Structures are given as C-alpha cells and as structure tokens.
Amino acid sequence: MSKIGNWVMEMQEDAAWSSKEVFIRKHGISNEVIWTEVRRQMAEDSDCDVDDYWDTFEMEMDDGS
C-alpha cells in the first residue's frame, strides 16, 4: 500500500478508538473530518452509543496453542 494509503488507514484506526481531542492532537485539526466520518459510520453500524462501540464485540484471546 502507498504511504498515503497507510497514513489514511492509520488515521481511521486512531479515530475508531481515540477521543476527538487525542485524534486532533496527533493528526491536526485539518483532519478532524476523518474522525467525524469514522465515528458517524460506527454509529450507523451499531445500535449502541459510539463510545460503547467496542464493548459490543466479544473478543477471544488466543492462548497460542
């Protein structure tokens, strides 16, 4: 993947887990639209509050065996 593609993907991943303030501190105010769009998509994909989005998915831990 291109450097720009990797950069955009990193911003999208950061937007999914970080607060707006943390995202802006890392990526700048000019990229706030990325955070807003990712959060909007997460809200559309889930019936729960965006801040609780990750709690709706059960994660399995692999013990490596």
C-alpha atoms as a PDB file:
ATOM      1  CA  MET A   1       0.000   0.000   0.000  1.00  0.00           C
ATOM      2  CA  SER A   2       1.145   3.519  -0.649  1.00  0.00           C
ATOM      3  CA  LYS A   3       2.427   5.794   2.087  1.00  0.00           C
ATOM      4  CA  ILE A   4      -0.662   7.980   1.802  1.00  0.00           C
ATOM      5  CA  GLY A   5      -2.925   4.936   1.964  1.00  0.00           C
ATOM      6  CA  ASN A   6      -1.148   3.760   5.103  1.00  0.00           C
ATOM      7  CA  TRP A   7      -1.428   7.241   6.606  1.00  0.00           C
ATOM      8  CA  VAL A   8      -5.176   7.425   5.949  1.00  0.00           C
ATOM      9  CA  MET A   9      -5.676   3.917   7.339  1.00  0.00           C
ATOM     10  CA  GLU A  10      -3.747   4.876  10.477  1.00  0.00           C
ATOM     11  CA  MET A  11      -5.964   7.933  10.938  1.00  0.00           C
ATOM     12  CA  GLN A  12      -9.105   5.823  10.508  1.00  0.00           C
ATOM     13  CA  GLU A  13      -7.881   3.307  13.087  1.00  0.00           C
ATOM     14  CA  ASP A  14      -6.984   6.088  15.511  1.00  0.00           C
ATOM     15  CA  ALA A  15     -10.402   7.686  15.000  1.00  0.00           C
ATOM     16  CA  ALA A  16     -12.102   4.434  15.957  1.00  0.00           C
ATOM     17  CA  TRP A  17     -10.528   4.219  19.412  1.00  0.00           C
ATOM     18  CA  SER A  18      -9.387   7.711  20.396  1.00  0.00           C
ATOM     19  CA  SER A  19     -11.247  10.728  21.655  1.00  0.00           C
ATOM     20  CA  LYS A  20     -11.624  13.706  19.347  1.00  0.00           C
ATOM     21  CA  GLU A  21      -9.101  15.685  21.379  1.00  0.00           C
ATOM     22  CA  VAL A  22      -6.460  12.956  21.219  1.00  0.00           C
ATOM     23  CA  PHE A  23      -7.043  12.472  17.492  1.00  0.00           C
ATOM     24  CA  ILE A  24      -6.670  16.190  16.761  1.00  0.00           C
ATOM     25  CA  ARG A  25      -3.538  16.425  18.897  1.00  0.00           C
ATOM     26  CA  LYS A  26      -1.942  13.620  16.867  1.00  0.00           C
ATOM     27  CA  HIS A  27      -3.254  14.325  13.344  1.00  0.00           C
ATOM     28  CA  GLY A  28      -4.184  18.022  13.389  1.00  0.00           C
ATOM     29  CA  ILE A  29      -7.418  19.965  13.197  1.00  0.00           C
ATOM     30  CA  SER A  30      -7.436  19.762   9.396  1.00  0.00           C
ATOM     31  CA  ASN A  31      -8.087  16.006   9.638  1.00  0.00           C
ATOM     32  CA  GLU A  32     -10.981  16.313  12.086  1.00  0.00           C
ATOM     33  CA  VAL A  33     -13.332  15.340   9.250  1.00  0.00           C
ATOM     34  CA  ILE A  34     -11.755  11.851   9.227  1.00  0.00           C
ATOM     35  CA  TRP A  35     -12.587  11.396  12.925  1.00  0.00           C
ATOM     36  CA  THR A  36     -16.133  12.652  12.392  1.00  0.00           C
ATOM     37  CA  GLU A  37     -16.773  10.378   9.405  1.00  0.00           C
ATOM     38  CA  VAL A  38     -15.376   7.259  11.096  1.00  0.00           C
ATOM     39  CA  ARG A  39     -17.475   7.925  14.188  1.00  0.00           C
ATOM     40  CA  ARG A  40     -20.582   8.527  12.033  1.00  0.00           C
ATOM     41  CA  GLN A  41     -20.059   5.211  10.258  1.00  0.00           C
ATOM     42  CA  MET A  42     -19.564   3.426  13.576  1.00  0.00           C
ATOM     43  CA  ALA A  43     -22.833   4.890  14.867  1.00  0.00           C
ATOM     44  CA  GLU A  44     -24.676   3.737  11.735  1.00  0.00           C
ATOM     45  CA  ASP A  45     -23.243   0.222  12.041  1.00  0.00           C
ATOM     46  CA  SER A  46     -24.276  -0.199  15.660  1.00  0.00           C
ATOM     47  CA  ASP A  47     -27.375   0.314  17.748  1.00  0.00           C
ATOM     48  CA  CYS A  48     -25.308   1.410  20.748  1.00  0.00           C
ATOM     49  CA  ASP A  49     -23.581   4.654  21.647  1.00  0.00           C
ATOM     50  CA  VAL A  50     -20.354   5.221  19.702  1.00  0.00           C
ATOM     51  CA  ASP A  51     -18.331   5.476  22.916  1.00  0.00           C
ATOM     52  CA  ASP A  52     -19.537   1.964  23.843  1.00  0.00           C
ATOM     53  CA  TYR A  53     -18.989   0.574  20.318  1.00  0.00           C
ATOM     54  CA  TRP A  54     -16.080  -1.693  21.181  1.00  0.00           C
ATOM     55  CA  ASP A  55     -17.937  -3.161  24.150  1.00  0.00           C
ATOM     56  CA  THR A  56     -20.491  -4.675  21.741  1.00  0.00           C
ATOM     57  CA  PHE A  57     -17.961  -7.104  20.290  1.00  0.00           C
ATOM     58  CA  GLU A  58     -16.820 -10.085  22.281  1.00  0.00           C
ATOM     59  CA  MET A  59     -13.115 -10.659  21.869  1.00  0.00           C
ATOM     60  CA  GLU A  60     -11.483 -14.057  22.104  1.00  0.00           C
ATOM     61  CA  MET A  61      -7.965 -14.382  23.354  1.00  0.00           C
ATOM     62  CA  ASP A  62      -5.712 -16.855  21.596  1.00  0.00           C
ATOM     63  CA  ASP A  63      -3.588 -18.781  24.069  1.00  0.00           C
ATOM     64  CA  GLY A  64      -1.162 -19.724  21.301  1.00  0.00           C
ATOM     65  CA  SER A  65      -1.721 -23.462  21.488  1.00  0.00           C
END
